[in-house]
Amino acid sequence: MEEAMSIESILRRKGPDVTTIGPEANIKSAAGWLRAKNIGALVVTSGNAILGLISEREIVDAFFRYGEAAGSMRVKEIMQHGVTTVSPDESVTRVMKLMTHQRVRHLPVVHGGKLAGIVSIGDVIKYRLEELELEANVLRDAYSISR
């Protein structure tokens, strides 16, 4: 069961699409992409290299600290550096623990050294809840049959 519950299972459902942004883009552009795509984070890349992550959290913090001037600041000035990545074969349980421990809501997924997707805490929780519901249904059916 644990093997079936992998990050790859989540990516198969949601797709491998990842919205990326360059480090030289301005924060206003990043905010625009987040809004347009209805997502919470962008992976900051240069070529195939993952440089970091910029989320709503960093943008809000930048506007709090720098006011309206934050909109023209560069993504590289406020992004999260040294972002943890996961592979598609990681278990959902391990990724949930990792996200909780590191207090992050988004993790890029890397396969073969290339960006293969991104998972959010919402993706992970949704998948885990569906798995728990399935397990409960199986147990209920087994109980009904045994009566």
C-alpha atoms as a PDB file:
ATOM      1  CA  MET A   1       0.000   0.000   0.000  1.00  0.00           C
ATOM      2  CA  GLU A   2       2.788   2.429   0.941  1.00  0.00           C
ATOM      3  CA  GLU A   3       4.474   1.952  -2.450  1.00  0.00           C
ATOM      4  CA  ALA A   4       1.235   2.862  -4.261  1.00  0.00           C
ATOM      5  CA  MET A   5       1.036   6.052  -2.214  1.00  0.00           C
ATOM      6  CA  SER A   6       3.866   7.879  -3.919  1.00  0.00           C
ATOM      7  CA  ILE A   7       4.314  11.409  -5.145  1.00  0.00           C
ATOM      8  CA  GLU A   8       4.188   9.982  -8.649  1.00  0.00           C
ATOM      9  CA  SER A   9       0.559   8.989  -7.941  1.00  0.00           C
ATOM     10  CA  ILE A  10      -0.260  12.607  -7.145  1.00  0.00           C
ATOM     11  CA  LEU A  11       1.533  13.887 -10.267  1.00  0.00           C
ATOM     12  CA  ARG A  12      -0.359  11.396 -12.461  1.00  0.00           C
ATOM     13  CA  ARG A  13      -3.622  12.918 -11.227  1.00  0.00           C
ATOM     14  CA  LYS A  14      -2.715  16.596 -11.269  1.00  0.00           C
ATOM     15  CA  GLY A  15      -0.246  16.557 -14.143  1.00  0.00           C
ATOM     16  CA  PRO A  16       3.392  17.578 -14.407  1.00  0.00           C
ATOM     17  CA  ASP A  17       2.764  21.247 -15.192  1.00  0.00           C
ATOM     18  CA  VAL A  18       4.949  23.598 -13.185  1.00  0.00           C
ATOM     19  CA  THR A  19       4.896  27.345 -13.567  1.00  0.00           C
ATOM     20  CA  THR A  20       8.407  28.724 -13.386  1.00  0.00           C
ATOM     21  CA  ILE A  21       9.850  32.207 -13.274  1.00  0.00           C
ATOM     22  CA  GLY A  22      13.323  33.610 -13.774  1.00  0.00           C
ATOM     23  CA  PRO A  23      15.282  35.209 -10.946  1.00  0.00           C
ATOM     24  CA  GLU A  24      15.399  38.588 -12.732  1.00  0.00           C
ATOM     25  CA  ALA A  25      11.613  38.911 -13.052  1.00  0.00           C
ATOM     26  CA  ASN A  26       9.994  41.464 -10.798  1.00  0.00           C
ATOM     27  CA  ILE A  27       7.796  40.558  -7.865  1.00  0.00           C
ATOM     28  CA  LYS A  28       4.745  42.146  -9.475  1.00  0.00           C
ATOM     29  CA  SER A  29       5.109  39.684 -12.378  1.00  0.00           C
ATOM     30  CA  ALA A  30       5.425  36.802  -9.933  1.00  0.00           C
ATOM     31  CA  ALA A  31       2.249  37.912  -8.154  1.00  0.00           C
ATOM     32  CA  GLY A  32       0.508  38.177 -11.519  1.00  0.00           C
ATOM     33  CA  TRP A  33       1.475  34.608 -12.444  1.00  0.00           C
ATOM     34  CA  LEU A  34       0.295  33.289  -9.081  1.00  0.00           C
ATOM     35  CA  ARG A  35      -3.048  34.991  -9.576  1.00  0.00           C
ATOM     36  CA  ALA A  36      -3.441  34.024 -13.243  1.00  0.00           C
ATOM     37  CA  LYS A  37      -2.644  30.361 -12.604  1.00  0.00           C
ATOM     38  CA  ASN A  38      -4.460  30.265  -9.231  1.00  0.00           C
ATOM     39  CA  ILE A  39      -1.425  28.708  -7.548  1.00  0.00           C
ATOM     40  CA  GLY A  40       0.540  29.427  -4.392  1.00  0.00           C
ATOM     41  CA  ALA A  41       4.160  29.177  -5.564  1.00  0.00           C
ATOM     42  CA  LEU A  42       6.478  29.456  -8.550  1.00  0.00           C
ATOM     43  CA  VAL A  43       9.699  27.537  -9.010  1.00  0.00           C
ATOM     44  CA  VAL A  44      12.550  29.940  -9.755  1.00  0.00           C
ATOM     45  CA  THR A  45      14.719  28.512 -12.515  1.00  0.00           C
ATOM     46  CA  SER A  46      17.613  29.390 -14.746  1.00  0.00           C
ATOM     47  CA  GLY A  47      17.748  26.962 -17.657  1.00  0.00           C
ATOM     48  CA  ASN A  48      17.229  23.527 -16.105  1.00  0.00           C
ATOM     49  CA  ALA A  49      18.596  24.587 -12.700  1.00  0.00           C
ATOM     50  CA  ILE A  50      16.210  25.092  -9.795  1.00  0.00           C
ATOM     51  CA  LEU A  51      17.365  28.194  -7.933  1.00  0.00           C
ATOM     52  CA  GLY A  52      14.575  28.509  -5.422  1.00  0.00           C
ATOM     53  CA  LEU A  53      10.902  29.054  -4.829  1.00  0.00           C
ATOM     54  CA  ILE A  54       8.758  32.150  -4.484  1.00  0.00           C
ATOM     55  CA  SER A  55       5.375  31.891  -2.853  1.00  0.00           C
ATOM     56  CA  GLU A  56       2.616  34.150  -1.651  1.00  0.00           C
ATOM     57  CA  ARG A  57       4.355  34.168   1.727  1.00  0.00           C
ATOM     58  CA  GLU A  58       7.539  35.818   0.402  1.00  0.00           C
ATOM     59  CA  ILE A  59       5.570  38.338  -1.622  1.00  0.00           C
ATOM     60  CA  VAL A  60       3.412  39.393   1.319  1.00  0.00           C
ATOM     61  CA  ASP A  61       6.518  39.673   3.489  1.00  0.00           C
ATOM     62  CA  ALA A  62       8.255  41.834   0.848  1.00  0.00           C
ATOM     63  CA  PHE A  63       5.299  44.229   0.622  1.00  0.00           C
ATOM     64  CA  PHE A  64       5.141  44.447   4.411  1.00  0.00           C
ATOM     65  CA  ARG A  65       8.872  45.236   4.644  1.00  0.00           C
ATOM     66  CA  TYR A  66       9.387  47.450   1.583  1.00  0.00           C
ATOM     67  CA  GLY A  67       5.961  48.833   0.746  1.00  0.00           C
ATOM     68  CA  GLU A  68       5.009  49.513  -2.860  1.00  0.00           C
ATOM     69  CA  ALA A  69       8.683  49.424  -3.894  1.00  0.00           C
ATOM     70  CA  ALA A  70       8.533  45.631  -3.477  1.00  0.00           C
ATOM     71  CA  GLY A  71       6.647  45.307  -6.751  1.00  0.00           C
ATOM     72  CA  SER A  72       9.698  46.330  -8.744  1.00  0.00           C
ATOM     73  CA  MET A  73      12.175  44.242  -6.736  1.00  0.00           C
ATOM     74  CA  ARG A  74      13.617  41.128  -8.391  1.00  0.00           C
ATOM     75  CA  VAL A  75      12.409  37.626  -7.517  1.00  0.00           C
ATOM     76  CA  LYS A  76      15.964  36.640  -6.588  1.00  0.00           C
ATOM     77  CA  GLU A  77      15.934  39.230  -3.800  1.00  0.00           C
ATOM     78  CA  ILE A  78      13.136  37.574  -1.843  1.00  0.00           C
ATOM     79  CA  MET A  79      12.879  33.949  -3.029  1.00  0.00           C
ATOM     80  CA  GLN A  80      13.525  30.924  -0.829  1.00  0.00           C
ATOM     81  CA  HIS A  81      17.015  29.626  -1.564  1.00  0.00           C
ATOM     82  CA  GLY A  82      18.139  26.040  -1.043  1.00  0.00           C
ATOM     83  CA  VAL A  83      14.700  24.571  -1.625  1.00  0.00           C
ATOM     84  CA  THR A  84      14.200  20.938  -0.689  1.00  0.00           C
ATOM     85  CA  THR A  85      13.091  18.776  -3.586  1.00  0.00           C
ATOM     86  CA  VAL A  86      11.549  15.310  -3.657  1.00  0.00           C
ATOM     87  CA  SER A  87      11.550  12.518  -6.196  1.00  0.00           C
ATOM     88  CA  PRO A  88       8.448  10.927  -7.717  1.00  0.00           C
ATOM     89  CA  ASP A  89       9.061   7.680  -5.820  1.00  0.00           C
ATOM     90  CA  GLU A  90       8.946   9.356  -2.376  1.00  0.00           C
ATOM     91  CA  SER A  91       6.065   8.182  -0.217  1.00  0.00           C
ATOM     92  CA  VAL A  92       3.210  10.558   0.487  1.00  0.00           C
ATOM     93  CA  THR A  93       3.666   9.900   4.219  1.00  0.00           C
ATOM     94  CA  ARG A  94       7.343  10.889   4.117  1.00  0.00           C
ATOM     95  CA  VAL A  95       6.570  14.053   2.128  1.00  0.00           C
ATOM     96  CA  MET A  96       3.822  15.022   4.599  1.00  0.00           C
ATOM     97  CA  LYS A  97       6.326  14.684   7.439  1.00  0.00           C
ATOM     98  CA  LEU A  98       8.949  16.644   5.499  1.00  0.00           C
ATOM     99  CA  MET A  99       6.532  19.493   4.767  1.00  0.00           C
ATOM    100  CA  THR A 100       5.416  19.607   8.392  1.00  0.00           C
ATOM    101  CA  HIS A 101       8.948  19.504   9.781  1.00  0.00           C
ATOM    102  CA  GLN A 102      10.282  22.153   7.402  1.00  0.00           C
ATOM    103  CA  ARG A 103       7.075  24.227   7.560  1.00  0.00           C
ATOM    104  CA  VAL A 104       6.773  24.440   3.772  1.00  0.00           C
ATOM    105  CA  ARG A 105       3.697  24.228   1.615  1.00  0.00           C
ATOM    106  CA  HIS A 106       5.285  23.445  -1.761  1.00  0.00           C
ATOM    107  CA  LEU A 107       7.989  21.018  -2.883  1.00  0.00           C
ATOM    108  CA  PRO A 108       9.371  20.763  -6.406  1.00  0.00           C
ATOM    109  CA  VAL A 109       9.573  17.206  -7.728  1.00  0.00           C
ATOM    110  CA  VAL A 110      12.791  16.303  -9.539  1.00  0.00           C
ATOM    111  CA  HIS A 111      13.332  13.206 -11.675  1.00  0.00           C
ATOM    112  CA  GLY A 112      16.590  12.504 -13.481  1.00  0.00           C
ATOM    113  CA  GLY A 113      17.918  15.917 -12.507  1.00  0.00           C
ATOM    114  CA  LYS A 114      14.987  17.708 -14.163  1.00  0.00           C
ATOM    115  CA  LEU A 115      11.920  19.442 -12.785  1.00  0.00           C
ATOM    116  CA  ALA A 116       9.081  16.915 -13.072  1.00  0.00           C
ATOM    117  CA  GLY A 117       6.319  18.653 -11.131  1.00  0.00           C
ATOM    118  CA  ILE A 118       5.423  20.358  -7.897  1.00  0.00           C
ATOM    119  CA  VAL A 119       3.295  19.196  -4.988  1.00  0.00           C
ATOM    120  CA  SER A 120       1.540  21.356  -2.456  1.00  0.00           C
ATOM    121  CA  ILE A 121       0.420  20.437   1.025  1.00  0.00           C
ATOM    122  CA  GLY A 122      -3.130  20.590  -0.348  1.00  0.00           C
ATOM    123  CA  ASP A 123      -2.284  17.984  -3.018  1.00  0.00           C
ATOM    124  CA  VAL A 124      -0.747  15.699  -0.411  1.00  0.00           C
ATOM    125  CA  ILE A 125      -3.626  16.025   2.054  1.00  0.00           C
ATOM    126  CA  LYS A 126      -6.255  15.528  -0.660  1.00  0.00           C
ATOM    127  CA  TYR A 127      -4.545  12.371  -1.869  1.00  0.00           C
ATOM    128  CA  ARG A 128      -4.142  11.009   1.663  1.00  0.00           C
ATOM    129  CA  LEU A 129      -7.798  11.710   2.513  1.00  0.00           C
ATOM    130  CA  GLU A 130      -8.905   9.862  -0.629  1.00  0.00           C
ATOM    131  CA  GLU A 131      -6.728   6.907   0.391  1.00  0.00           C
ATOM    132  CA  LEU A 132      -8.190   6.891   3.906  1.00  0.00           C
ATOM    133  CA  GLU A 133     -11.721   7.020   2.493  1.00  0.00           C
ATOM    134  CA  LEU A 134     -10.948   4.063   0.233  1.00  0.00           C
ATOM    135  CA  GLU A 135      -9.512   2.094   3.176  1.00  0.00           C
ATOM    136  CA  ALA A 136     -12.613   2.862   5.266  1.00  0.00           C
ATOM    137  CA  ASN A 137     -14.895   1.682   2.436  1.00  0.00           C
ATOM    138  CA  VAL A 138     -12.938  -1.555   2.038  1.00  0.00           C
ATOM    139  CA  LEU A 139     -13.113  -2.223   5.781  1.00  0.00           C
ATOM    140  CA  ARG A 140     -16.845  -1.450   5.842  1.00  0.00           C
ATOM    141  CA  ASP A 141     -17.454  -3.793   2.902  1.00  0.00           C
ATOM    142  CA  ALA A 142     -15.372  -6.543   4.518  1.00  0.00           C
ATOM    143  CA  TYR A 143     -17.317  -6.142   7.760  1.00  0.00           C
ATOM    144  CA  SER A 144     -20.658  -6.264   5.930  1.00  0.00           C
ATOM    145  CA  ILE A 145     -19.681  -9.450   4.104  1.00  0.00           C
ATOM    146  CA  SER A 146     -18.494 -11.154   7.287  1.00  0.00           C
ATOM    147  CA  ARG A 147     -21.812 -10.615   9.092  1.00  0.00           C
END
